[in-house]
Amino acid sequence: MKKFTTFLVLAALLAIMPGCFTLNARHNRNHMKSFSNDMVRLHQDFDRHFLNYDWDNPNDH
């Protein structure tokens, strides 16, 4: 029972993280695309600030 409750909580959190979900597939797809773009930018910012890697010019080391 505890695993099932944990699964439900995690599923609910994952559903609300990218924003509101509706029955409109295009609206949901836009939210997921925006969330994905945000994660890419977060990854690039982390690499730029902590690993000194520039995604815009990877040969500039």
C-alpha atoms as a PDB file:
ATOM      1  CA  MET A   1       0.000   0.000   0.000  1.00  0.00           C
ATOM      2  CA  LYS A   2       2.850   2.391   0.816  1.00  0.00           C
ATOM      3  CA  LYS A   3       4.443   1.891  -2.627  1.00  0.00           C
ATOM      4  CA  PHE A   4       1.129   2.567  -4.352  1.00  0.00           C
ATOM      5  CA  THR A   5       0.597   5.775  -2.377  1.00  0.00           C
ATOM      6  CA  THR A   6       4.137   6.901  -3.196  1.00  0.00           C
ATOM      7  CA  PHE A   7       3.496   6.176  -6.874  1.00  0.00           C
ATOM      8  CA  LEU A   8       0.280   8.225  -6.829  1.00  0.00           C
ATOM      9  CA  VAL A   9       2.005  11.172  -5.167  1.00  0.00           C
ATOM     10  CA  LEU A  10       4.880  11.085  -7.669  1.00  0.00           C
ATOM     11  CA  ALA A  11       2.479  10.789 -10.614  1.00  0.00           C
ATOM     12  CA  ALA A  12       0.497  13.776  -9.347  1.00  0.00           C
ATOM     13  CA  LEU A  13       3.657  15.857  -8.938  1.00  0.00           C
ATOM     14  CA  LEU A  14       4.883  14.981 -12.421  1.00  0.00           C
ATOM     15  CA  ALA A  15       1.500  15.881 -13.880  1.00  0.00           C
ATOM     16  CA  ILE A  16       1.458  19.368 -12.361  1.00  0.00           C
ATOM     17  CA  MET A  17       5.146  20.284 -12.838  1.00  0.00           C
ATOM     18  CA  PRO A  18       4.942  21.465 -16.467  1.00  0.00           C
ATOM     19  CA  GLY A  19       1.737  23.406 -15.902  1.00  0.00           C
ATOM     20  CA  CYS A  20      -1.963  22.867 -16.339  1.00  0.00           C
ATOM     21  CA  PHE A  21      -3.223  19.893 -18.324  1.00  0.00           C
ATOM     22  CA  THR A  22      -6.469  19.942 -20.252  1.00  0.00           C
ATOM     23  CA  LEU A  23      -8.198  17.684 -22.745  1.00  0.00           C
ATOM     24  CA  ASN A  24      -6.725  19.801 -25.552  1.00  0.00           C
ATOM     25  CA  ALA A  25      -3.739  17.831 -26.896  1.00  0.00           C
ATOM     26  CA  ARG A  26      -2.132  20.850 -28.580  1.00  0.00           C
ATOM     27  CA  HIS A  27      -2.289  22.856 -25.347  1.00  0.00           C
ATOM     28  CA  ASN A  28      -0.698  19.998 -23.398  1.00  0.00           C
ATOM     29  CA  ARG A  29       1.972  19.505 -26.068  1.00  0.00           C
ATOM     30  CA  ASN A  30       2.900  23.199 -25.845  1.00  0.00           C
ATOM     31  CA  HIS A  31       3.274  22.908 -22.064  1.00  0.00           C
ATOM     32  CA  MET A  32       5.499  19.848 -22.426  1.00  0.00           C
ATOM     33  CA  LYS A  33       7.604  21.569 -25.108  1.00  0.00           C
ATOM     34  CA  SER A  34       8.033  24.608 -22.868  1.00  0.00           C
ATOM     35  CA  PHE A  35       9.007  22.394 -19.911  1.00  0.00           C
ATOM     36  CA  SER A  36      11.513  20.542 -22.100  1.00  0.00           C
ATOM     37  CA  ASN A  37      13.033  23.821 -23.321  1.00  0.00           C
ATOM     38  CA  ASP A  38      13.349  25.001 -19.716  1.00  0.00           C
ATOM     39  CA  MET A  39      15.191  21.800 -18.767  1.00  0.00           C
ATOM     40  CA  VAL A  40      17.599  22.208 -21.706  1.00  0.00           C
ATOM     41  CA  ARG A  41      18.342  25.798 -20.678  1.00  0.00           C
ATOM     42  CA  LEU A  42      18.851  24.693 -17.059  1.00  0.00           C
ATOM     43  CA  HIS A  43      21.314  22.040 -18.225  1.00  0.00           C
ATOM     44  CA  GLN A  44      23.182  24.546 -20.402  1.00  0.00           C
ATOM     45  CA  ASP A  45      23.335  27.110 -17.576  1.00  0.00           C
ATOM     46  CA  PHE A  46      24.693  24.478 -15.184  1.00  0.00           C
ATOM     47  CA  ASP A  47      27.366  23.468 -17.689  1.00  0.00           C
ATOM     48  CA  ARG A  48      28.279  27.089 -18.409  1.00  0.00           C
ATOM     49  CA  HIS A  49      28.589  28.207 -14.776  1.00  0.00           C
ATOM     50  CA  PHE A  50      29.938  25.114 -13.041  1.00  0.00           C
ATOM     51  CA  LEU A  51      31.838  23.230 -15.771  1.00  0.00           C
ATOM     52  CA  ASN A  52      32.927  26.253 -17.822  1.00  0.00           C
ATOM     53  CA  TYR A  53      31.475  24.727 -21.000  1.00  0.00           C
ATOM     54  CA  ASP A  54      29.955  27.064 -23.560  1.00  0.00           C
ATOM     55  CA  TRP A  55      27.208  25.405 -25.617  1.00  0.00           C
ATOM     56  CA  ASP A  56      27.261  28.210 -28.158  1.00  0.00           C
ATOM     57  CA  ASN A  57      30.940  27.658 -28.946  1.00  0.00           C
ATOM     58  CA  PRO A  58      32.171  24.250 -27.694  1.00  0.00           C
ATOM     59  CA  ASN A  59      35.577  24.667 -29.395  1.00  0.00           C
ATOM     60  CA  ASP A  60      36.395  27.737 -27.315  1.00  0.00           C
ATOM     61  CA  HIS A  61      38.337  26.068 -24.469  1.00  0.00           C
END
